[in-house]
Protein backbone atom coordinates (compact mmCIF):
# COMPACT_ATOMS: atom_id res chain seq x y z
CA MET A 1 -127.65 45.70 18.26
CA THR A 2 -126.81 45.09 22.01
CA PRO A 3 -125.10 41.68 22.16
CA THR A 4 -126.69 39.30 24.63
CA PRO A 5 -125.02 39.28 27.94
CA VAL A 6 -122.76 36.63 29.11
CA PRO A 7 -123.39 35.41 32.31
CA PHE A 8 -120.82 34.23 34.96
CA LEU A 9 -122.72 31.23 35.95
CA ASP A 10 -125.91 29.57 34.84
CA LEU A 11 -127.33 27.61 37.18
CA VAL A 12 -130.75 28.04 35.85
CA THR A 13 -130.68 26.03 32.61
CA ILE A 14 -129.40 23.12 34.09
CA HIS A 15 -132.28 22.83 36.93
CA ARG A 16 -134.55 23.16 34.72
CA GLU A 17 -133.05 20.48 32.53
CA LEU A 18 -133.83 18.60 35.51
CA GLU A 19 -136.79 19.86 36.90
CA ASP A 20 -139.00 16.62 36.33
CA GLU A 21 -136.40 14.59 38.21
CA LEU A 22 -135.48 16.76 40.97
CA VAL A 23 -139.39 17.77 41.89
CA GLU A 24 -140.11 13.80 41.78
CA ALA A 25 -137.20 13.16 44.22
CA PHE A 26 -138.73 16.11 46.38
CA ARG A 27 -142.26 14.32 46.16
CA GLN A 28 -140.89 11.10 47.11
CA SER A 29 -139.62 13.01 49.95
CA LEU A 30 -142.31 14.28 51.32
CA ARG A 31 -144.32 11.12 50.80
CA SER A 32 -142.11 9.38 52.88
CA ALA A 33 -141.00 11.86 55.51
CA ALA A 34 -137.51 10.61 54.84
CA PHE A 35 -135.95 14.20 55.62
CA ILE A 36 -132.95 13.14 57.81
CA GLY A 37 -130.51 10.26 57.16
CA GLY A 38 -132.07 7.18 55.59
CA ALA A 39 -131.44 5.52 52.00
CA GLN A 40 -130.94 8.72 49.59
CA VAL A 41 -127.92 9.61 52.21
CA GLU A 42 -126.77 6.41 52.36
CA GLY A 43 -127.10 6.37 48.68
CA PHE A 44 -125.31 8.95 48.00
CA GLU A 45 -122.29 8.37 50.13
CA ARG A 46 -122.00 5.45 48.59
CA GLU A 47 -122.04 6.53 44.81
CA PHE A 48 -119.74 9.55 45.51
CA ALA A 49 -117.19 7.31 47.16
CA GLU A 50 -117.72 5.03 44.48
CA TYR A 51 -116.70 8.17 41.89
CA CYS A 52 -114.29 9.41 43.67
CA GLY A 53 -112.43 5.96 43.85
CA SER A 54 -112.38 6.14 47.97
CA THR A 55 -113.41 3.48 50.24
CA HIS A 56 -115.65 5.74 52.47
CA CYS A 57 -117.81 8.70 52.05
CA VAL A 58 -119.75 10.71 54.84
CA GLY A 59 -122.15 13.32 54.13
CA VAL A 60 -122.23 16.54 56.05
CA ALA A 61 -124.18 19.78 56.30
CA ASN A 62 -121.37 21.74 53.85
CA GLY A 63 -118.25 22.16 53.01
CA THR A 64 -116.95 23.96 56.09
CA ASP A 65 -118.28 21.39 58.06
CA ALA A 66 -116.07 18.69 56.02
CA VAL A 67 -112.97 20.57 56.22
CA ARG A 68 -113.53 20.74 59.98
CA PHE A 69 -114.71 17.47 60.84
CA ALA A 70 -111.77 16.14 58.60
CA LEU A 71 -109.06 17.89 60.65
CA MET A 72 -110.93 16.72 63.47
CA ALA A 73 -111.28 13.16 62.80
CA ALA A 74 -107.98 12.77 61.36
CA GLY A 75 -106.34 13.59 64.58
CA VAL A 76 -106.09 17.56 64.67
CA LYS A 77 -106.20 18.55 68.21
CA PRO A 78 -106.82 22.28 69.77
CA GLY A 79 -103.19 24.02 70.67
CA GLU A 80 -101.92 22.35 67.49
CA ALA A 81 -101.15 23.87 64.02
CA VAL A 82 -101.95 23.25 60.56
CA VAL A 83 -99.99 24.75 57.18
CA THR A 84 -102.33 25.64 54.27
CA VAL A 85 -102.24 28.43 52.11
CA ALA A 86 -104.27 31.88 52.08
CA HIS A 87 -105.22 31.80 47.86
CA THR A 88 -108.47 30.27 49.36
CA PHE A 89 -112.15 31.06 50.32
CA ILE A 90 -111.90 31.78 54.11
CA ALA A 91 -113.51 28.51 55.28
CA THR A 92 -110.39 26.47 55.09
CA CYS A 93 -109.17 29.12 57.55
CA GLU A 94 -112.27 29.05 59.64
CA ALA A 95 -112.04 25.11 59.28
CA ILE A 96 -108.95 24.87 60.85
CA SER A 97 -109.75 27.73 63.83
CA GLN A 98 -112.91 26.02 64.47
CA ALA A 99 -111.33 22.63 65.09
CA GLY A 100 -109.00 24.60 67.84
CA ALA A 101 -105.82 24.65 65.62
CA ALA A 102 -103.84 27.58 64.32
CA THR A 103 -103.05 28.40 60.61
CA GLU A 104 -99.68 28.91 59.48
CA PHE A 105 -99.52 29.77 55.62
CA VAL A 106 -97.09 29.11 52.76
CA ASP A 107 -97.06 30.38 48.99
CA ILE A 108 -98.76 28.99 46.47
CA ASP A 109 -97.07 27.61 42.94
CA PRO A 110 -97.39 30.89 40.53
CA ARG A 111 -98.93 28.66 37.80
CA THR A 112 -101.44 26.20 39.45
CA TYR A 113 -102.16 28.61 42.24
CA CYS A 114 -102.10 25.62 44.64
CA MET A 115 -99.55 24.87 47.41
CA ASP A 116 -96.08 25.06 46.22
CA PRO A 117 -94.32 22.20 47.28
CA GLN A 118 -90.89 23.71 47.49
CA ALA A 119 -92.39 26.72 49.84
CA LEU A 120 -93.79 24.24 51.97
CA GLU A 121 -90.29 22.47 52.36
CA ALA A 122 -88.40 25.77 52.63
CA TYR A 123 -91.36 26.60 55.70
CA LEU A 124 -90.99 23.28 57.50
CA ALA A 125 -87.13 23.25 57.25
CA GLY A 126 -87.06 26.94 58.59
CA CYS A 127 -89.14 25.79 61.94
CA ARG A 128 -87.69 25.44 65.05
CA ARG A 129 -87.95 22.10 66.64
CA ASP A 130 -89.91 20.90 70.01
CA SER A 131 -87.22 19.57 72.22
CA ALA A 132 -89.45 16.57 73.41
CA THR A 133 -91.02 15.54 70.01
CA GLY A 134 -88.86 16.83 67.67
CA ARG A 135 -91.79 18.13 65.77
CA PRO A 136 -91.68 21.52 63.65
CA LEU A 137 -93.24 24.38 65.46
CA GLY A 138 -95.06 27.06 63.59
CA GLN A 139 -93.10 30.23 62.76
CA ARG A 140 -96.21 32.34 63.54
CA THR A 141 -97.98 31.08 66.54
CA GLY A 142 -94.52 28.61 67.91
CA GLN A 143 -97.58 25.61 68.24
CA PRO A 144 -96.65 22.33 67.19
CA ILE A 145 -97.44 21.24 63.48
CA THR A 146 -99.09 18.33 62.96
CA ALA A 147 -101.29 18.75 59.43
CA VAL A 148 -100.99 20.30 56.34
CA VAL A 149 -104.10 21.36 54.03
CA PRO A 150 -103.57 21.50 50.42
CA VAL A 151 -106.26 22.93 48.27
CA HIS A 152 -107.20 22.03 44.90
CA LEU A 153 -107.90 25.07 43.86
CA TYR A 154 -110.10 25.90 40.80
CA GLY A 155 -110.41 22.31 40.14
CA GLN A 156 -107.01 21.26 39.68
CA VAL A 157 -105.19 18.89 42.01
CA ALA A 158 -102.27 20.14 44.10
CA ASP A 159 -98.81 18.37 43.61
CA MET A 160 -99.30 15.76 45.79
CA ASP A 161 -96.80 13.32 45.12
CA ALA A 162 -94.24 16.45 46.42
CA ILE A 163 -96.63 17.46 49.36
CA LEU A 164 -97.13 13.58 50.52
CA ALA A 165 -93.25 12.99 50.69
CA ILE A 166 -93.01 16.25 52.52
CA ALA A 167 -95.60 15.42 55.14
CA ALA A 168 -93.88 11.87 55.39
CA LYS A 169 -90.82 13.42 56.28
CA TYR A 170 -91.90 15.77 58.94
CA ASP A 171 -94.93 13.26 60.52
CA LEU A 172 -97.75 15.31 59.36
CA ILE A 173 -101.52 14.37 58.55
CA VAL A 174 -102.65 15.45 55.16
CA VAL A 175 -106.16 16.38 55.11
CA GLU A 176 -107.34 17.71 51.15
CA ASP A 177 -109.72 20.74 50.53
CA ALA A 178 -111.04 19.42 47.58
CA CYS A 179 -113.94 21.30 47.66
CA GLN A 180 -113.51 22.59 44.04
CA ALA A 181 -112.00 19.50 42.60
CA HIS A 182 -114.75 17.18 42.23
CA GLY A 183 -113.48 14.48 39.77
CA ALA A 184 -110.37 16.27 39.07
CA GLU A 185 -107.56 13.74 38.53
CA TYR A 186 -103.68 13.66 39.17
CA HIS A 187 -101.02 11.33 37.55
CA CYS A 188 -99.09 9.78 40.24
CA ALA A 189 -95.53 8.72 40.21
CA ASP A 190 -96.81 5.18 40.40
CA GLY A 191 -98.44 5.67 37.04
CA THR A 192 -101.81 5.62 38.17
CA TRP A 193 -104.21 8.71 37.75
CA LYS A 194 -106.20 9.06 40.74
CA ARG A 195 -109.01 11.43 41.86
CA ALA A 196 -109.12 14.26 44.25
CA GLY A 197 -110.15 12.98 47.63
CA THR A 198 -108.14 9.92 48.01
CA PHE A 199 -104.39 11.04 48.78
CA GLY A 200 -104.75 12.17 52.32
CA LYS A 201 -106.01 11.06 55.61
CA ALA A 202 -109.23 12.46 55.04
CA ALA A 203 -110.46 14.88 52.18
CA ALA A 204 -113.24 17.67 52.20
CA PHE A 205 -115.88 18.38 49.06
CA SER A 206 -118.54 21.15 49.14
CA PHE A 207 -121.72 20.74 47.19
CA TYR A 208 -122.50 24.67 47.18
CA PRO A 209 -124.83 25.18 44.49
CA GLY A 210 -122.16 26.66 41.99
CA LYS A 211 -119.61 23.77 42.20
CA ASN A 212 -119.35 21.74 39.59
CA LEU A 213 -121.45 18.91 41.58
CA GLY A 214 -123.94 21.28 43.68
CA ALA A 215 -126.92 20.97 45.54
CA CYS A 216 -129.76 23.24 45.81
CA GLY A 217 -129.01 24.65 49.09
CA GLU A 218 -125.95 23.39 51.45
CA ALA A 219 -124.29 20.23 51.23
CA GLY A 220 -120.84 18.68 51.79
CA ALA A 221 -118.65 15.24 52.62
CA VAL A 222 -115.59 13.86 53.47
CA THR A 223 -113.78 11.05 51.81
CA THR A 224 -111.46 8.67 53.47
CA GLU A 225 -110.07 5.00 53.29
CA ASP A 226 -109.84 4.77 57.20
CA PRO A 227 -113.11 3.44 58.84
CA GLU A 228 -112.17 5.37 62.12
CA VAL A 229 -111.84 8.63 60.42
CA ALA A 230 -115.54 7.91 58.88
CA ARG A 231 -116.91 6.57 61.99
CA THR A 232 -115.59 9.59 64.07
CA ILE A 233 -117.06 11.98 61.16
CA ARG A 234 -120.43 10.11 61.36
CA MET A 235 -120.35 10.94 65.07
CA LEU A 236 -118.97 14.35 64.86
CA ARG A 237 -122.28 15.10 62.44
CA GLU A 238 -124.58 13.76 64.86
CA HIS A 239 -124.11 15.09 68.08
CA GLY A 240 -121.43 12.96 69.06
CA GLN A 241 -123.87 9.64 69.21
CA ALA A 242 -123.05 6.53 67.14
CA GLN A 243 -126.23 5.04 68.98
CA LYS A 244 -129.60 7.61 69.67
CA TYR A 245 -128.95 9.36 72.92
CA TYR A 246 -125.55 7.78 73.91
CA HIS A 247 -122.94 10.30 73.01
CA ASP A 248 -119.72 9.22 72.99
CA LEU A 249 -118.21 12.85 72.26
CA GLU A 250 -119.20 16.16 72.13
CA GLY A 251 -120.35 16.61 68.14
CA TYR A 252 -122.42 19.01 65.83
CA ASN A 253 -125.36 19.38 63.99
CA GLY A 254 -123.73 18.76 60.81
CA ARG A 255 -126.22 16.38 58.82
CA LEU A 256 -126.22 15.95 55.34
CA ASP A 257 -129.97 16.97 54.11
CA ALA A 258 -131.68 13.86 52.91
CA VAL A 259 -133.71 15.88 50.13
CA GLN A 260 -130.05 17.48 48.87
CA ALA A 261 -128.59 13.97 49.03
CA ALA A 262 -131.56 13.17 46.60
CA PHE A 263 -130.93 15.91 44.28
CA LEU A 264 -126.93 15.15 44.39
CA ARG A 265 -127.33 11.60 43.16
CA ILE A 266 -129.26 12.75 40.12
CA LYS A 267 -126.67 15.58 39.37
CA LEU A 268 -123.98 12.92 39.96
CA ARG A 269 -124.93 10.93 36.80
CA ARG A 270 -124.13 13.79 34.65
CA LEU A 271 -121.07 15.19 36.22
CA PRO A 272 -118.97 13.26 33.82
CA GLY A 273 -120.96 14.94 31.00
CA TRP A 274 -120.71 18.49 32.50
CA THR A 275 -116.92 17.98 33.40
CA THR A 276 -116.41 17.08 29.44
CA GLN A 277 -118.19 19.96 28.66
CA ARG A 278 -115.95 22.44 31.19
CA ARG A 279 -113.02 20.76 29.71
CA GLU A 280 -113.96 21.42 26.65
CA ALA A 281 -114.91 25.42 26.96
CA ALA A 282 -111.44 25.57 28.61
CA CYS A 283 -109.75 24.18 25.35
CA ARG A 284 -111.90 26.77 23.41
CA TYR A 285 -110.89 29.42 25.75
CA ASN A 286 -107.12 28.41 25.49
CA ASP A 287 -107.64 28.68 21.78
CA LEU A 288 -109.33 31.99 21.89
CA LEU A 289 -107.07 33.90 24.18
CA GLY A 290 -103.44 32.40 23.72
CA GLY A 291 -102.24 35.11 21.25
CA LEU A 292 -103.70 37.89 23.31
CA PRO A 293 -100.74 40.28 24.86
CA ASP A 294 -100.91 40.29 28.70
CA VAL A 295 -103.45 37.48 29.24
CA THR A 296 -102.05 34.76 31.05
CA THR A 297 -104.54 31.54 30.52
CA PRO A 298 -104.80 28.67 33.17
CA TYR A 299 -101.50 26.08 33.52
CA GLU A 300 -102.47 22.29 33.35
CA GLY A 301 -99.32 19.98 33.40
CA GLU A 302 -99.03 17.01 31.78
CA ARG A 303 -99.82 15.31 35.11
CA SER A 304 -102.95 16.97 35.78
CA ARG A 305 -106.77 16.57 34.68
CA ALA A 306 -108.47 19.88 35.76
CA VAL A 307 -112.19 19.98 35.69
CA TYR A 308 -112.26 23.76 35.65
CA HIS A 309 -114.38 24.71 38.30
CA LEU A 310 -113.30 28.33 37.34
CA TYR A 311 -111.47 29.34 34.26
CA VAL A 312 -109.00 31.75 35.72
CA ILE A 313 -106.68 34.44 33.49
CA ARG A 314 -104.18 37.14 34.35
CA HIS A 315 -103.94 40.05 33.66
CA PRO A 316 -101.80 43.22 34.77
CA GLU A 317 -104.76 45.69 34.28
CA ARG A 318 -107.30 43.21 35.41
CA ASP A 319 -109.82 45.48 37.67
CA ALA A 320 -110.03 47.79 34.27
CA LEU A 321 -110.69 44.70 32.02
CA ALA A 322 -113.04 43.17 34.06
CA ASP A 323 -115.24 47.08 34.04
CA HIS A 324 -114.76 46.97 30.17
CA LEU A 325 -116.00 43.70 30.03
CA LYS A 326 -119.11 44.35 32.33
CA ALA A 327 -119.65 47.07 29.79
CA GLN A 328 -120.00 44.80 26.78
CA GLY A 329 -122.11 42.33 28.95
CA VAL A 330 -119.88 39.99 29.92
CA PHE A 331 -119.79 39.07 33.39
CA THR A 332 -116.82 38.05 35.43
CA GLY A 333 -115.84 37.19 39.27
CA LEU A 334 -112.68 37.02 41.50
CA HIS A 335 -111.52 34.21 43.16
CA TYR A 336 -110.32 35.73 45.46
CA PRO A 337 -109.58 39.48 45.23
CA GLN A 338 -107.60 39.54 49.08
CA PRO A 339 -106.09 36.88 50.27
CA VAL A 340 -106.89 35.33 53.63
CA HIS A 341 -103.75 36.00 55.56
CA LEU A 342 -104.51 39.97 54.64
CA GLN A 343 -108.51 39.86 55.88
CA LYS A 344 -109.53 42.11 58.68
CA CYS A 345 -110.94 39.21 60.79
CA TYR A 346 -107.35 37.94 60.72
CA VAL A 347 -104.92 41.23 61.33
CA GLU A 348 -104.30 39.72 65.05
CA TRP A 349 -102.32 37.40 63.08
CA GLY A 350 -99.49 39.60 62.07
CA TYR A 351 -99.17 39.08 58.50
CA LYS A 352 -98.44 42.01 56.40
CA GLU A 353 -98.18 43.07 52.58
CA GLY A 354 -95.38 41.11 51.61
CA SER A 355 -95.49 37.99 53.52
CA LEU A 356 -96.63 35.93 50.81
CA PRO A 357 -95.87 37.84 47.44
CA VAL A 358 -96.76 35.08 44.84
CA THR A 359 -100.17 34.98 46.47
CA GLU A 360 -100.50 38.65 46.70
CA ARG A 361 -99.77 39.24 43.48
CA ALA A 362 -101.87 36.48 42.18
CA ALA A 363 -104.66 38.31 43.82
CA ARG A 364 -104.28 41.58 42.19
CA GLU A 365 -104.21 39.90 38.69
CA ILE A 366 -106.78 36.94 38.67
CA LEU A 367 -110.09 37.07 36.70
CA SER A 368 -112.62 34.34 36.31
CA LEU A 369 -114.29 34.20 32.88
CA PRO A 370 -117.70 32.52 32.70
CA MET A 371 -117.78 28.95 33.07
CA PHE A 372 -120.43 26.34 33.09
CA PRO A 373 -121.75 23.49 31.58
CA GLY A 374 -123.46 24.49 28.33
CA LEU A 375 -121.42 27.69 27.69
CA LYS A 376 -121.59 27.98 24.19
CA ALA A 377 -118.91 28.73 21.75
CA GLU A 378 -120.57 31.61 20.49
CA GLN A 379 -120.50 33.01 24.44
CA GLN A 380 -116.70 32.19 24.83
CA ALA A 381 -116.24 34.29 21.30
CA LEU A 382 -117.93 37.27 22.68
CA VAL A 383 -115.80 36.97 26.27
CA ALA A 384 -112.80 36.72 23.70
CA ALA A 385 -113.63 39.73 21.97
CA GLY A 386 -114.23 42.40 24.65
CA ILE A 387 -110.60 41.01 25.74
CA ALA A 388 -109.04 41.90 22.33
CA SER A 389 -111.28 45.16 22.18
CA TRP A 390 -109.71 46.18 25.78
CA GLN A 391 -106.14 45.12 24.61
CA GLN A 392 -106.79 47.55 21.50
CA ARG A 393 -108.35 50.02 23.27
CA ALA A 394 -105.56 49.72 25.87
CA GLU A 395 -102.91 50.27 23.15
CA LEU A 396 -104.23 53.39 21.31
CA SER A 397 -104.43 55.20 24.86
CA GLY A 398 -101.11 54.12 25.64
CA VAL A 399 -101.72 52.17 28.70
CA GLN A 400 -99.30 49.23 27.31
């Protein structure tokens, strides 16, 4: 008997469970014609800020707008440079470019896949300095570096104590890319636990449908403690106007749709429970996979409470393993198979194979296993059995 396939992501079940509430929210929007701004957007902004532990939240159209507007409002200007990582979705770099800045890369921590503070420090220490300001100049572009964007990848917060200390040393703005880290927590040196979105000058979130908190379409938000940053983002998303038809700056059409805000308010109430389910599923995977040779399970340090947007293992024969699992009815993902610095669209930046060795090795070995709220223990057992059967077959065929 062929086992029931294990999907990589199941978005149908949770929406079926919420269908009545979501339909009612849409019905109310139709009856009130409240499609742009208004109570639903303001309510979500208030509730998501409270959830994150932030003072301000500004809803925007998508996660890419969130990163771009956060950078612009935080003070990044055209002709400057921003340091980030290449092990991320391209939107991180698109947003930097669209803000008018250049991108400079540093390598990642081989365990967390987030920005390596030691690599950041070494990179900045090796930069020439602007003779007038003393600011570090990008090693690739020669442009003054004014900001750093750590990416809280796969649902785990980067080492923010170290990154913030380095940023302070070099007078850099910190903008968090928290698009995969809704509710992820980090134990700070002062003994407090803080959630993603509360460390930098601003932080960007995506509510793409597959995120831990996902809309039924596109949506995003920026959190910040700075009222001026929040005010600027509100203008940027609204064609640069603080008052209708009076434009203080040239902005964009980057508003959060009111219907999506209504959906997000419904889902936000479930997010803590969904996070618990993800963490429990991660623990089950750890138990099932921990003894398998050549399988590296995700690292979660004592100072981290990850939310497991993705459960990413490493294996030296990743592609063959993924093909084997697919044949077994287990569907997987790759996040991400080619680092941003080696993408064709950025070939003129001049990065080559070997520029970021930790990032490049990770890209060859990572494999995202099925992970979503409601993932059953029996489904995870099938995933583990598929990996174990590959190991056995590989040993018999002399691959290892």
